[in-house]
Structures are given as structure tokens and as C-alpha cells.
Amino acid sequence: MKKTTEKNLMVFSGRAHPDLSEEVASLLGTELVPTSAYEFANSEIYIRYEESVRGCDAFVIQSHTAPINEWIMEHLIMVDALKRASAKRITVVLPFYGYARQDKKHRGREPISARLMADLFKTAGADRLIAIDLHADQIQGYFDGPVDHLMALPILTDYVKEHYGREQLCVVSPDAGRIKVAERWSAKLGGVPLAFIHKSRRTDRPNETVANRVVGEVAGKMCVLTDDMIDTGGTIVKATEALMNEGAAGVIIAATHAILSDPAVDRLKNSPATEIIVTNTLPIPPDREFDKLTILSIAPLVARAIREVFEDGSVTSMFDGHA
């Protein structure tokens, strides 16, 4: 007996950031699969899908926001439920990849937690990962399978060009390690000059830098300070102050992931930055929004990547061959 089966795209969402998942599903012209999700009395998580997923091409979206361990566990349980319900292919969509900063050993007896995350998803049953602006490119190699690494750069640069295109711009990397990303920014903004902040980070204290020194000519220029994430805001605000001290006309902060742990909102509000531009890879509650903060939607990028994967197209083509 022969039967030609049709591909069936199904989109699933965890409870961490349902607004983003709903927007992605809407752009794909579908709806999120109805899911029962709740905690038992001892805080164990239970997941069950309310319709058959047999033979489907499943895309499971979950952003790893606080409380991060809870949402990662829910994500893993969702993947396991799909595997045991005979989904044909399971793609884990991680707008923000939890533990990505723990990608190498700085000192002895430390874990490489980013690798552990990849192993957990592989064991749970994931066939493929889609992530946005990983903290380090090598994390793609931690997962034993295809990884599509999306970049928010086109969304952020389009906004900067539209609102600041007439200014004399300069792209600034917050450290020497992100110069390659800054070079892509420069190219997208028409070959504007580059600068970077030379800093030393304390190995004994997380989220803390010791010194900032600007390398490059920034005087009189509107500086676009780019980074992959803003957590407590300490590093990015110190860099902003260093640029203003060097005579910059102004500073625009652009970052993909707005973690905004305390006291980030107060620091950014009171910083000399003109505008802080972020995407909605992570949920930003109303009490963490403020006048200088602009939130751009990442959903069109995620939806297009899902469509390319589902239709066996090219994700790299979305980024001019640089993904």
C-alpha cells in the first residue's frame, strides 16, 4: 500500500511569552495548538496537547525568561510530549537561549552550561534548533543537529537608518570580541566608521566590568552602541558614559535581548543614552517600559525562518548569506 503524505506545520507555545508565539502563528496563517499546561501541588509541570500531533512538523516556541529554570523545564517537557506523540520532526525555537553566557570555562571547576542545554534538548527529542543572536557563535556546534542562527540585525538597522540616517553615525562595539558584529552593522548602515570599548571584566564577580576606554574616533558622532543583551545594564551604561566623555554627539543603544534584571531600568532611564532599542525576544512587562525604550517585534523574522525550514528553503538567504 502506498500513500503520499502531506507536510503538516504545527506551532506550539510555552507559557513564558505567549504574545510572541501568537504573533508568529498569525504571520504563518495558522493558530497555536491548544495545550493543557499546569503545575501539580509540588510544582511539577504537566503538559498535554489537545489534538493529534502524529506525523506533524512541530515548531515549539519558548523564550527562556525569569524564572528561567522553570521555563526551560517546561520547554523540555513539551518536546518530550511531542516525541512520544509521534511528531515527525521537532524544531525547538529559542528566541532567547538560556545559559548562553556559560559557553566556556573561565576558571577550573566551572560548568559549560550552554553545552548542557543543547544536550538536554537533544535527549528530549529535538531534531533542530532555531535561535536568535546567540551570545557566542560556537554554541551552534554544541547541538548535534542543524541549528539556524537568526540575527535581529536587519530589524534593528532598518529602524536606526529610518530614524537616524541623516546623522553622522559611528558603530561602537561594547568589547573587542564583538567587532565582527559591529562590522556587519557598519556595512548595513552604509560603511560608517567603527569604534570599540576596551574593558576588563571581573572573573570573581558576575555582570561587573572594571574599566572602559574608547578605541576609535567618536567625537561629534551619533554612536550606535550594539550588544546582544542588556541584563543589569551596568556594562552598557558605563560604555555610554565613556562615549559621552569622549565627545560623542549622542548614544543610541541597540540590543536584541532585553533581560532587564534589576537595577537595569533605573540605570537606563538615568543614562545619557538618547534611545534604547530592543526586540521582544523576551517579554517586557509594562512596569519595565520607560520613555527612552523602543521595542521592535522579532515575530516577522521568526515566522519567515519557520516557513523556510518547513518548505526546505534557505534560512541563510534571509541574511545576505551571512547566517
C-alpha atoms as a PDB file:
ATOM      1  CA  MET A   1       0.000   0.000   0.000  1.00  0.00           C
ATOM      2  CA  LYS A   2       1.396   3.405  -0.982  1.00  0.00           C
ATOM      3  CA  LYS A   3       0.314   6.750   0.384  1.00  0.00           C
ATOM      4  CA  THR A   4       1.712  10.223  -0.278  1.00  0.00           C
ATOM      5  CA  THR A   5       1.606  12.162   2.970  1.00  0.00           C
ATOM      6  CA  GLU A   6       1.251  15.936   3.169  1.00  0.00           C
ATOM      7  CA  LYS A   7       3.519  18.028   5.375  1.00  0.00           C
ATOM      8  CA  ASN A   8       1.662  19.466   8.311  1.00  0.00           C
ATOM      9  CA  LEU A   9       3.053  22.534  10.104  1.00  0.00           C
ATOM     10  CA  MET A  10       2.018  22.902  13.744  1.00  0.00           C
ATOM     11  CA  VAL A  11       3.141  25.679  16.117  1.00  0.00           C
ATOM     12  CA  PHE A  12       3.288  25.151  19.884  1.00  0.00           C
ATOM     13  CA  SER A  13       3.908  27.671  22.624  1.00  0.00           C
ATOM     14  CA  GLY A  14       5.054  27.515  26.207  1.00  0.00           C
ATOM     15  CA  ARG A  15       3.694  29.930  28.786  1.00  0.00           C
ATOM     16  CA  ALA A  16       6.773  32.149  29.104  1.00  0.00           C
ATOM     17  CA  HIS A  17       5.991  34.551  26.223  1.00  0.00           C
ATOM     18  CA  PRO A  18       2.623  33.652  24.607  1.00  0.00           C
ATOM     19  CA  ASP A  19       2.223  37.071  22.910  1.00  0.00           C
ATOM     20  CA  LEU A  20       5.252  36.475  20.678  1.00  0.00           C
ATOM     21  CA  SER A  21       4.121  32.920  19.811  1.00  0.00           C
ATOM     22  CA  GLU A  22       0.635  34.142  18.886  1.00  0.00           C
ATOM     23  CA  GLU A  23       2.089  36.826  16.612  1.00  0.00           C
ATOM     24  CA  VAL A  24       4.362  34.267  14.906  1.00  0.00           C
ATOM     25  CA  ALA A  25       1.454  31.843  14.374  1.00  0.00           C
ATOM     26  CA  SER A  26      -0.696  34.652  12.964  1.00  0.00           C
ATOM     27  CA  LEU A  27       2.029  35.640  10.463  1.00  0.00           C
ATOM     28  CA  LEU A  28       2.254  31.981   9.384  1.00  0.00           C
ATOM     29  CA  GLY A  29      -1.519  31.926   8.818  1.00  0.00           C
ATOM     30  CA  THR A  30      -2.127  29.296  11.481  1.00  0.00           C
ATOM     31  CA  GLU A  31      -3.054  29.068  15.174  1.00  0.00           C
ATOM     32  CA  LEU A  32      -1.218  27.750  18.203  1.00  0.00           C
ATOM     33  CA  VAL A  33      -2.074  24.143  19.056  1.00  0.00           C
ATOM     34  CA  PRO A  34      -4.354  24.097  22.154  1.00  0.00           C
ATOM     35  CA  THR A  35      -2.299  22.879  25.109  1.00  0.00           C
ATOM     36  CA  SER A  36      -3.101  21.975  28.704  1.00  0.00           C
ATOM     37  CA  ALA A  37      -0.312  23.159  30.988  1.00  0.00           C
ATOM     38  CA  TYR A  38      -0.327  23.415  34.753  1.00  0.00           C
ATOM     39  CA  GLU A  39       1.642  22.634  37.912  1.00  0.00           C
ATOM     40  CA  PHE A  40       0.953  19.913  40.442  1.00  0.00           C
ATOM     41  CA  ALA A  41       0.912  20.803  44.136  1.00  0.00           C
ATOM     42  CA  ASN A  42       4.657  20.101  44.420  1.00  0.00           C
ATOM     43  CA  SER A  43       5.366  22.433  41.412  1.00  0.00           C
ATOM     44  CA  GLU A  44       5.958  19.626  38.843  1.00  0.00           C
ATOM     45  CA  ILE A  45       4.879  20.733  35.345  1.00  0.00           C
ATOM     46  CA  TYR A  46       2.263  18.847  33.318  1.00  0.00           C
ATOM     47  CA  ILE A  47       1.784  19.258  29.544  1.00  0.00           C
ATOM     48  CA  ARG A  48      -0.760  17.690  27.180  1.00  0.00           C
ATOM     49  CA  TYR A  49      -1.704  18.676  23.627  1.00  0.00           C
ATOM     50  CA  GLU A  50      -5.430  18.816  22.942  1.00  0.00           C
ATOM     51  CA  GLU A  51      -5.222  17.487  19.375  1.00  0.00           C
ATOM     52  CA  SER A  52      -3.283  14.845  17.467  1.00  0.00           C
ATOM     53  CA  VAL A  53       0.295  15.754  16.502  1.00  0.00           C
ATOM     54  CA  ARG A  54       1.169  12.474  14.761  1.00  0.00           C
ATOM     55  CA  GLY A  55       3.373  12.997  11.705  1.00  0.00           C
ATOM     56  CA  CYS A  56       3.479  16.788  12.050  1.00  0.00           C
ATOM     57  CA  ASP A  57       6.362  19.210  11.530  1.00  0.00           C
ATOM     58  CA  ALA A  58       6.378  20.727  15.034  1.00  0.00           C
ATOM     59  CA  PHE A  59       7.810  24.126  15.992  1.00  0.00           C
ATOM     60  CA  VAL A  60       7.951  24.643  19.765  1.00  0.00           C
ATOM     61  CA  ILE A  61       8.441  28.281  20.818  1.00  0.00           C
ATOM     62  CA  GLN A  62       9.588  29.227  24.313  1.00  0.00           C
ATOM     63  CA  SER A  63      11.644  32.206  25.499  1.00  0.00           C
ATOM     64  CA  HIS A  64      13.849  31.478  28.482  1.00  0.00           C
ATOM     65  CA  THR A  65      12.913  34.367  30.747  1.00  0.00           C
ATOM     66  CA  ALA A  66      12.796  34.529  34.559  1.00  0.00           C
ATOM     67  CA  PRO A  67      12.135  32.188  36.357  1.00  0.00           C
ATOM     68  CA  ILE A  68      14.426  30.698  33.727  1.00  0.00           C
ATOM     69  CA  ASN A  69      14.798  27.143  35.073  1.00  0.00           C
ATOM     70  CA  GLU A  70      11.025  26.689  35.229  1.00  0.00           C
ATOM     71  CA  TRP A  71      10.505  27.729  31.600  1.00  0.00           C
ATOM     72  CA  ILE A  72      13.421  25.603  30.353  1.00  0.00           C
ATOM     73  CA  MET A  73      11.931  22.583  32.099  1.00  0.00           C
ATOM     74  CA  GLU A  74       8.523  23.291  30.545  1.00  0.00           C
ATOM     75  CA  HIS A  75      10.192  23.570  27.131  1.00  0.00           C
ATOM     76  CA  LEU A  76      11.902  20.192  27.556  1.00  0.00           C
ATOM     77  CA  ILE A  77       8.656  18.532  28.706  1.00  0.00           C
ATOM     78  CA  MET A  78       6.837  19.956  25.656  1.00  0.00           C
ATOM     79  CA  VAL A  79       9.457  18.413  23.355  1.00  0.00           C
ATOM     80  CA  ASP A  80       9.225  15.065  25.160  1.00  0.00           C
ATOM     81  CA  ALA A  81       5.419  15.084  24.824  1.00  0.00           C
ATOM     82  CA  LEU A  82       5.745  15.659  21.062  1.00  0.00           C
ATOM     83  CA  LYS A  83       8.314  12.885  20.661  1.00  0.00           C
ATOM     84  CA  ARG A  84       6.084  10.410  22.498  1.00  0.00           C
ATOM     85  CA  ALA A  85       3.051  11.528  20.450  1.00  0.00           C
ATOM     86  CA  SER A  86       4.888  10.657  17.177  1.00  0.00           C
ATOM     87  CA  ALA A  87       5.604  14.115  15.776  1.00  0.00           C
ATOM     88  CA  LYS A  88       7.630  13.625  12.587  1.00  0.00           C
ATOM     89  CA  ARG A  89      10.164  16.445  13.172  1.00  0.00           C
ATOM     90  CA  ILE A  90      10.571  18.659  16.232  1.00  0.00           C
ATOM     91  CA  THR A  91      12.160  22.099  15.889  1.00  0.00           C
ATOM     92  CA  VAL A  92      12.874  23.965  19.128  1.00  0.00           C
ATOM     93  CA  VAL A  93      12.536  27.735  18.670  1.00  0.00           C
ATOM     94  CA  LEU A  94      14.589  29.656  21.254  1.00  0.00           C
ATOM     95  CA  PRO A  95      14.179  33.432  20.849  1.00  0.00           C
ATOM     96  CA  PHE A  96      16.492  33.621  23.880  1.00  0.00           C
ATOM     97  CA  TYR A  97      18.780  30.644  24.617  1.00  0.00           C
ATOM     98  CA  GLY A  98      19.090  30.203  28.378  1.00  0.00           C
ATOM     99  CA  TYR A  99      22.583  29.771  29.892  1.00  0.00           C
ATOM    100  CA  ALA A 100      24.218  31.012  26.660  1.00  0.00           C
ATOM    101  CA  ARG A 101      26.733  33.111  28.624  1.00  0.00           C
ATOM    102  CA  GLN A 102      28.175  29.955  30.211  1.00  0.00           C
ATOM    103  CA  ASP A 103      29.733  28.865  26.914  1.00  0.00           C
ATOM    104  CA  LYS A 104      33.297  28.196  28.096  1.00  0.00           C
ATOM    105  CA  LYS A 105      35.414  27.671  31.211  1.00  0.00           C
ATOM    106  CA  HIS A 106      36.996  30.877  32.503  1.00  0.00           C
ATOM    107  CA  ARG A 107      38.440  29.058  35.540  1.00  0.00           C
ATOM    108  CA  GLY A 108      38.821  25.485  36.765  1.00  0.00           C
ATOM    109  CA  ARG A 109      35.854  23.508  38.111  1.00  0.00           C
ATOM    110  CA  GLU A 110      33.282  25.553  36.180  1.00  0.00           C
ATOM    111  CA  PRO A 111      30.494  24.018  34.049  1.00  0.00           C
ATOM    112  CA  ILE A 112      29.837  24.688  30.368  1.00  0.00           C
ATOM    113  CA  SER A 113      26.110  25.046  30.882  1.00  0.00           C
ATOM    114  CA  ALA A 114      25.335  26.160  27.306  1.00  0.00           C
ATOM    115  CA  ARG A 115      26.515  22.721  26.105  1.00  0.00           C
ATOM    116  CA  LEU A 116      24.396  21.007  28.772  1.00  0.00           C
ATOM    117  CA  MET A 117      21.343  22.896  27.448  1.00  0.00           C
ATOM    118  CA  ALA A 118      21.969  21.601  23.929  1.00  0.00           C
ATOM    119  CA  ASP A 119      22.351  18.029  25.241  1.00  0.00           C
ATOM    120  CA  LEU A 120      19.100  18.304  27.206  1.00  0.00           C
ATOM    121  CA  PHE A 121      17.108  19.340  24.128  1.00  0.00           C
ATOM    122  CA  LYS A 122      18.700  16.573  22.028  1.00  0.00           C
ATOM    123  CA  THR A 123      17.844  13.983  24.687  1.00  0.00           C
ATOM    124  CA  ALA A 124      14.286  15.318  24.977  1.00  0.00           C
ATOM    125  CA  GLY A 125      13.803  14.677  21.244  1.00  0.00           C
ATOM    126  CA  ALA A 126      14.640  17.895  19.378  1.00  0.00           C
ATOM    127  CA  ASP A 127      15.735  17.429  15.750  1.00  0.00           C
ATOM    128  CA  ARG A 128      16.640  21.063  15.097  1.00  0.00           C
ATOM    129  CA  LEU A 129      17.159  24.373  16.903  1.00  0.00           C
ATOM    130  CA  ILE A 130      16.284  27.912  15.809  1.00  0.00           C
ATOM    131  CA  ALA A 131      17.918  30.587  17.999  1.00  0.00           C
ATOM    132  CA  ILE A 132      18.308  34.354  17.772  1.00  0.00           C
ATOM    133  CA  ASP A 133      21.599  36.175  18.374  1.00  0.00           C
ATOM    134  CA  LEU A 134      23.404  33.593  20.460  1.00  0.00           C
ATOM    135  CA  HIS A 135      25.896  35.045  22.936  1.00  0.00           C
ATOM    136  CA  ALA A 136      28.669  33.098  21.168  1.00  0.00           C
ATOM    137  CA  ASP A 137      28.579  31.585  17.668  1.00  0.00           C
ATOM    138  CA  GLN A 138      30.218  28.337  18.810  1.00  0.00           C
ATOM    139  CA  ILE A 139      27.051  27.357  20.707  1.00  0.00           C
ATOM    140  CA  GLN A 140      25.708  26.218  17.314  1.00  0.00           C
ATOM    141  CA  GLY A 141      28.249  23.396  17.488  1.00  0.00           C
ATOM    142  CA  TYR A 142      27.056  22.210  20.908  1.00  0.00           C
ATOM    143  CA  PHE A 143      23.836  20.765  19.444  1.00  0.00           C
ATOM    144  CA  ASP A 144      24.199  17.531  17.483  1.00  0.00           C
ATOM    145  CA  GLY A 145      21.942  18.528  14.609  1.00  0.00           C
ATOM    146  CA  PRO A 146      21.015  21.517  12.433  1.00  0.00           C
ATOM    147  CA  VAL A 147      20.977  24.939  14.140  1.00  0.00           C
ATOM    148  CA  ASP A 148      19.551  28.012  12.415  1.00  0.00           C
ATOM    149  CA  HIS A 149      21.147  31.099  13.952  1.00  0.00           C
ATOM    150  CA  LEU A 150      18.949  34.118  13.233  1.00  0.00           C
ATOM    151  CA  MET A 151      20.105  37.713  13.612  1.00  0.00           C
ATOM    152  CA  ALA A 152      17.996  40.678  14.689  1.00  0.00           C
ATOM    153  CA  LEU A 153      20.449  42.943  12.839  1.00  0.00           C
ATOM    154  CA  PRO A 154      18.168  43.657   9.804  1.00  0.00           C
ATOM    155  CA  ILE A 155      15.280  44.733  12.069  1.00  0.00           C
ATOM    156  CA  LEU A 156      17.472  46.935  14.286  1.00  0.00           C
ATOM    157  CA  THR A 157      19.496  48.516  11.442  1.00  0.00           C
ATOM    158  CA  ASP A 158      16.341  49.347   9.439  1.00  0.00           C
ATOM    159  CA  TYR A 159      15.000  51.243  12.457  1.00  0.00           C
ATOM    160  CA  VAL A 160      18.288  53.101  13.005  1.00  0.00           C
ATOM    161  CA  LYS A 161      18.524  54.024   9.297  1.00  0.00           C
ATOM    162  CA  GLU A 162      14.956  55.328   9.269  1.00  0.00           C
ATOM    163  CA  HIS A 163      15.288  57.450  12.427  1.00  0.00           C
ATOM    164  CA  TYR A 164      18.981  58.430  12.464  1.00  0.00           C
ATOM    165  CA  GLY A 165      20.054  58.034   8.827  1.00  0.00           C
ATOM    166  CA  ARG A 166      20.790  61.755   8.409  1.00  0.00           C
ATOM    167  CA  GLU A 167      23.116  61.854  11.437  1.00  0.00           C
ATOM    168  CA  GLN A 168      26.871  61.344  11.305  1.00  0.00           C
ATOM    169  CA  LEU A 169      26.888  57.798  12.689  1.00  0.00           C
ATOM    170  CA  CYS A 170      29.556  55.616  14.271  1.00  0.00           C
ATOM    171  CA  VAL A 171      29.005  51.964  15.247  1.00  0.00           C
ATOM    172  CA  VAL A 172      30.516  51.050  18.614  1.00  0.00           C
ATOM    173  CA  SER A 173      31.152  47.527  19.900  1.00  0.00           C
ATOM    174  CA  PRO A 174      30.941  47.206  23.714  1.00  0.00           C
ATOM    175  CA  ASP A 175      34.047  44.976  23.663  1.00  0.00           C
ATOM    176  CA  ALA A 176      36.732  43.750  21.270  1.00  0.00           C
ATOM    177  CA  GLY A 177      35.050  40.329  20.934  1.00  0.00           C
ATOM    178  CA  ARG A 178      32.004  41.707  19.116  1.00  0.00           C
ATOM    179  CA  ILE A 179      33.913  43.639  16.434  1.00  0.00           C
ATOM    180  CA  LYS A 180      32.700  41.248  13.698  1.00  0.00           C
ATOM    181  CA  VAL A 181      29.070  42.001  14.589  1.00  0.00           C
ATOM    182  CA  ALA A 182      29.872  45.739  14.593  1.00  0.00           C
ATOM    183  CA  GLU A 183      31.395  45.348  11.111  1.00  0.00           C
ATOM    184  CA  ARG A 184      28.090  43.874   9.862  1.00  0.00           C
ATOM    185  CA  TRP A 185      26.259  46.806  11.447  1.00  0.00           C
ATOM    186  CA  SER A 186      28.638  49.231   9.719  1.00  0.00           C
ATOM    187  CA  ALA A 187      28.070  47.580   6.331  1.00  0.00           C
ATOM    188  CA  LYS A 188      24.263  47.691   6.760  1.00  0.00           C
ATOM    189  CA  LEU A 189      24.439  51.386   7.689  1.00  0.00           C
ATOM    190  CA  GLY A 190      26.452  52.280   4.594  1.00  0.00           C
ATOM    191  CA  GLY A 191      30.018  51.777   5.783  1.00  0.00           C
ATOM    192  CA  VAL A 192      30.007  54.133   8.772  1.00  0.00           C
ATOM    193  CA  PRO A 193      33.172  54.189  10.959  1.00  0.00           C
ATOM    194  CA  LEU A 194      33.767  51.759  13.830  1.00  0.00           C
ATOM    195  CA  ALA A 195      34.972  52.058  17.412  1.00  0.00           C
ATOM    196  CA  PHE A 196      35.065  49.719  20.389  1.00  0.00           C
ATOM    197  CA  ILE A 197      35.221  49.863  24.157  1.00  0.00           C
ATOM    198  CA  HIS A 198      38.276  48.279  25.738  1.00  0.00           C
ATOM    199  CA  LYS A 199      37.173  46.790  29.046  1.00  0.00           C
ATOM    200  CA  SER A 200      38.273  44.230  31.593  1.00  0.00           C
ATOM    201  CA  ARG A 201      35.680  42.015  33.237  1.00  0.00           C
ATOM    202  CA  ARG A 202      35.961  40.715  36.796  1.00  0.00           C
ATOM    203  CA  THR A 203      36.087  36.907  36.859  1.00  0.00           C
ATOM    204  CA  ASP A 204      35.107  36.756  40.521  1.00  0.00           C
ATOM    205  CA  ARG A 205      32.000  38.964  40.189  1.00  0.00           C
ATOM    206  CA  PRO A 206      29.298  38.386  37.524  1.00  0.00           C
ATOM    207  CA  ASN A 207      27.895  41.317  35.495  1.00  0.00           C
ATOM    208  CA  GLU A 208      30.725  43.665  36.508  1.00  0.00           C
ATOM    209  CA  THR A 209      33.402  45.405  34.461  1.00  0.00           C
ATOM    210  CA  VAL A 210      36.423  47.234  35.829  1.00  0.00           C
ATOM    211  CA  ALA A 211      37.451  49.863  33.275  1.00  0.00           C
ATOM    212  CA  ASN A 212      36.286  51.401  29.977  1.00  0.00           C
ATOM    213  CA  ARG A 213      38.447  53.089  27.333  1.00  0.00           C
ATOM    214  CA  VAL A 214      37.200  54.131  23.896  1.00  0.00           C
ATOM    215  CA  VAL A 215      39.298  52.965  20.949  1.00  0.00           C
ATOM    216  CA  GLY A 216      38.366  54.914  17.821  1.00  0.00           C
ATOM    217  CA  GLU A 217      37.202  58.407  16.862  1.00  0.00           C
ATOM    218  CA  VAL A 218      33.727  59.165  18.247  1.00  0.00           C
ATOM    219  CA  ALA A 219      33.826  62.935  18.865  1.00  0.00           C
ATOM    220  CA  GLY A 220      30.866  64.734  17.310  1.00  0.00           C
ATOM    221  CA  LYS A 221      29.260  61.490  16.086  1.00  0.00           C
ATOM    222  CA  MET A 222      25.971  59.825  16.978  1.00  0.00           C
ATOM    223  CA  CYS A 223      27.201  56.492  18.334  1.00  0.00           C
ATOM    224  CA  VAL A 224      25.223  53.279  17.835  1.00  0.00           C
ATOM    225  CA  LEU A 225      26.267  51.035  20.728  1.00  0.00           C
ATOM    226  CA  THR A 226      25.344  47.434  19.874  1.00  0.00           C
ATOM    227  CA  ASP A 227      25.188  44.339  22.065  1.00  0.00           C
ATOM    228  CA  ASP A 228      23.363  41.015  22.124  1.00  0.00           C
ATOM    229  CA  MET A 229      21.701  41.551  25.516  1.00  0.00           C
ATOM    230  CA  ILE A 230      21.085  44.020  28.317  1.00  0.00           C
ATOM    231  CA  ASP A 231      20.937  42.284  31.697  1.00  0.00           C
ATOM    232  CA  THR A 232      21.603  44.598  34.658  1.00  0.00           C
ATOM    233  CA  GLY A 233      22.647  47.412  32.295  1.00  0.00           C
ATOM    234  CA  GLY A 234      25.920  48.139  34.117  1.00  0.00           C
ATOM    235  CA  THR A 235      28.266  47.408  31.196  1.00  0.00           C
ATOM    236  CA  ILE A 236      26.237  49.243  28.553  1.00  0.00           C
ATOM    237  CA  VAL A 237      25.658  52.332  30.719  1.00  0.00           C
ATOM    238  CA  LYS A 238      29.378  52.598  31.595  1.00  0.00           C
ATOM    239  CA  ALA A 239      30.161  52.340  27.875  1.00  0.00           C
ATOM    240  CA  THR A 240      27.595  55.080  27.117  1.00  0.00           C
ATOM    241  CA  GLU A 241      29.177  57.372  29.713  1.00  0.00           C
ATOM    242  CA  ALA A 242      32.648  56.666  28.313  1.00  0.00           C
ATOM    243  CA  LEU A 243      31.471  57.631  24.793  1.00  0.00           C
ATOM    244  CA  MET A 244      29.874  60.876  26.019  1.00  0.00           C
ATOM    245  CA  ASN A 245      33.090  61.713  27.899  1.00  0.00           C
ATOM    246  CA  GLU A 246      34.979  61.322  24.595  1.00  0.00           C
ATOM    247  CA  GLY A 247      32.743  63.963  22.987  1.00  0.00           C
ATOM    248  CA  ALA A 248      30.093  61.831  21.238  1.00  0.00           C
ATOM    249  CA  ALA A 249      27.095  63.855  19.996  1.00  0.00           C
ATOM    250  CA  GLY A 250      24.783  61.188  21.412  1.00  0.00           C
ATOM    251  CA  VAL A 251      24.456  57.448  22.018  1.00  0.00           C
ATOM    252  CA  ILE A 252      21.795  55.040  20.751  1.00  0.00           C
ATOM    253  CA  ILE A 253      21.835  51.639  22.461  1.00  0.00           C
ATOM    254  CA  ALA A 254      20.654  48.715  20.311  1.00  0.00           C
ATOM    255  CA  ALA A 255      20.359  45.191  21.741  1.00  0.00           C
ATOM    256  CA  THR A 256      18.452  42.051  20.803  1.00  0.00           C
ATOM    257  CA  HIS A 257      17.583  40.618  24.219  1.00  0.00           C
ATOM    258  CA  ALA A 258      16.151  42.902  26.908  1.00  0.00           C
ATOM    259  CA  ILE A 259      16.620  40.834  30.075  1.00  0.00           C
ATOM    260  CA  LEU A 260      16.419  44.000  32.204  1.00  0.00           C
ATOM    261  CA  SER A 261      17.240  42.487  35.590  1.00  0.00           C
ATOM    262  CA  ASP A 262      17.244  44.969  38.489  1.00  0.00           C
ATOM    263  CA  PRO A 263      18.522  47.693  38.501  1.00  0.00           C
ATOM    264  CA  ALA A 264      18.685  47.895  34.667  1.00  0.00           C
ATOM    265  CA  VAL A 265      15.572  50.056  34.193  1.00  0.00           C
ATOM    266  CA  ASP A 266      16.776  52.747  36.627  1.00  0.00           C
ATOM    267  CA  ARG A 267      20.277  52.705  35.136  1.00  0.00           C
ATOM    268  CA  LEU A 268      18.993  53.065  31.568  1.00  0.00           C
ATOM    269  CA  LYS A 269      16.444  55.748  32.483  1.00  0.00           C
ATOM    270  CA  ASN A 270      19.154  57.847  34.105  1.00  0.00           C
ATOM    271  CA  SER A 271      21.834  57.152  31.483  1.00  0.00           C
ATOM    272  CA  PRO A 272      22.850  59.778  28.895  1.00  0.00           C
ATOM    273  CA  ALA A 273      21.619  57.481  26.060  1.00  0.00           C
ATOM    274  CA  THR A 274      19.190  59.094  23.600  1.00  0.00           C
ATOM    275  CA  GLU A 275      17.227  55.885  22.925  1.00  0.00           C
ATOM    276  CA  ILE A 276      17.398  52.208  23.856  1.00  0.00           C
ATOM    277  CA  ILE A 277      16.205  49.950  21.023  1.00  0.00           C
ATOM    278  CA  VAL A 278      15.456  46.279  21.791  1.00  0.00           C
ATOM    279  CA  THR A 279      13.374  43.432  20.386  1.00  0.00           C
ATOM    280  CA  ASN A 280      10.664  41.352  22.055  1.00  0.00           C
ATOM    281  CA  THR A 281      12.608  38.062  22.173  1.00  0.00           C
ATOM    282  CA  LEU A 282      11.872  38.253  25.911  1.00  0.00           C
ATOM    283  CA  PRO A 283       8.637  39.537  27.462  1.00  0.00           C
ATOM    284  CA  ILE A 284       8.921  43.079  28.809  1.00  0.00           C
ATOM    285  CA  PRO A 285       6.177  43.795  31.377  1.00  0.00           C
ATOM    286  CA  PRO A 286       4.586  47.281  31.388  1.00  0.00           C
ATOM    287  CA  ASP A 287       6.317  48.188  34.668  1.00  0.00           C
ATOM    288  CA  ARG A 288       9.716  47.771  32.929  1.00  0.00           C
ATOM    289  CA  GLU A 289       8.867  50.006  29.985  1.00  0.00           C
ATOM    290  CA  PHE A 290      10.037  53.636  30.005  1.00  0.00           C
ATOM    291  CA  ASP A 291      10.122  56.655  27.688  1.00  0.00           C
ATOM    292  CA  LYS A 292      13.524  56.024  26.074  1.00  0.00           C
ATOM    293  CA  LEU A 293      12.794  52.322  25.417  1.00  0.00           C
ATOM    294  CA  THR A 294      11.677  51.238  21.922  1.00  0.00           C
ATOM    295  CA  ILE A 295      10.569  47.616  21.459  1.00  0.00           C
ATOM    296  CA  LEU A 296      10.629  46.138  17.935  1.00  0.00           C
ATOM    297  CA  SER A 297       8.874  42.873  17.088  1.00  0.00           C
ATOM    298  CA  ILE A 298      11.042  39.871  16.217  1.00  0.00           C
ATOM    299  CA  ALA A 299       7.987  37.840  15.114  1.00  0.00           C
ATOM    300  CA  PRO A 300       8.333  38.500  11.333  1.00  0.00           C
ATOM    301  CA  LEU A 301      11.921  37.166  11.442  1.00  0.00           C
ATOM    302  CA  VAL A 302      10.917  34.030  13.401  1.00  0.00           C
ATOM    303  CA  ALA A 303       7.878  33.395  11.178  1.00  0.00           C
ATOM    304  CA  ARG A 304       9.952  33.665   7.995  1.00  0.00           C
ATOM    305  CA  ALA A 305      12.616  31.312   9.384  1.00  0.00           C
ATOM    306  CA  ILE A 306       9.952  28.749  10.339  1.00  0.00           C
ATOM    307  CA  ARG A 307       8.455  28.999   6.835  1.00  0.00           C
ATOM    308  CA  GLU A 308      11.885  28.494   5.211  1.00  0.00           C
ATOM    309  CA  VAL A 309      12.593  25.423   7.383  1.00  0.00           C
ATOM    310  CA  PHE A 310       9.139  23.959   6.762  1.00  0.00           C
ATOM    311  CA  GLU A 311       9.385  24.486   2.980  1.00  0.00           C
ATOM    312  CA  ASP A 312      13.027  23.272   2.850  1.00  0.00           C
ATOM    313  CA  GLY A 313      14.151  26.741   1.798  1.00  0.00           C
ATOM    314  CA  SER A 314      17.244  28.740   2.776  1.00  0.00           C
ATOM    315  CA  VAL A 315      17.475  30.498   6.131  1.00  0.00           C
ATOM    316  CA  THR A 316      20.899  31.913   5.166  1.00  0.00           C
ATOM    317  CA  SER A 317      19.286  33.830   2.281  1.00  0.00           C
ATOM    318  CA  MET A 318      17.449  35.932   4.889  1.00  0.00           C
ATOM    319  CA  PHE A 319      20.776  37.497   5.930  1.00  0.00           C
ATOM    320  CA  ASP A 320      22.540  38.016   2.583  1.00  0.00           C
ATOM    321  CA  GLY A 321      24.489  34.785   3.028  1.00  0.00           C
ATOM    322  CA  HIS A 322      25.977  35.719   6.424  1.00  0.00           C
ATOM    323  CA  ALA A 323      23.923  33.478   8.761  1.00  0.00           C
END
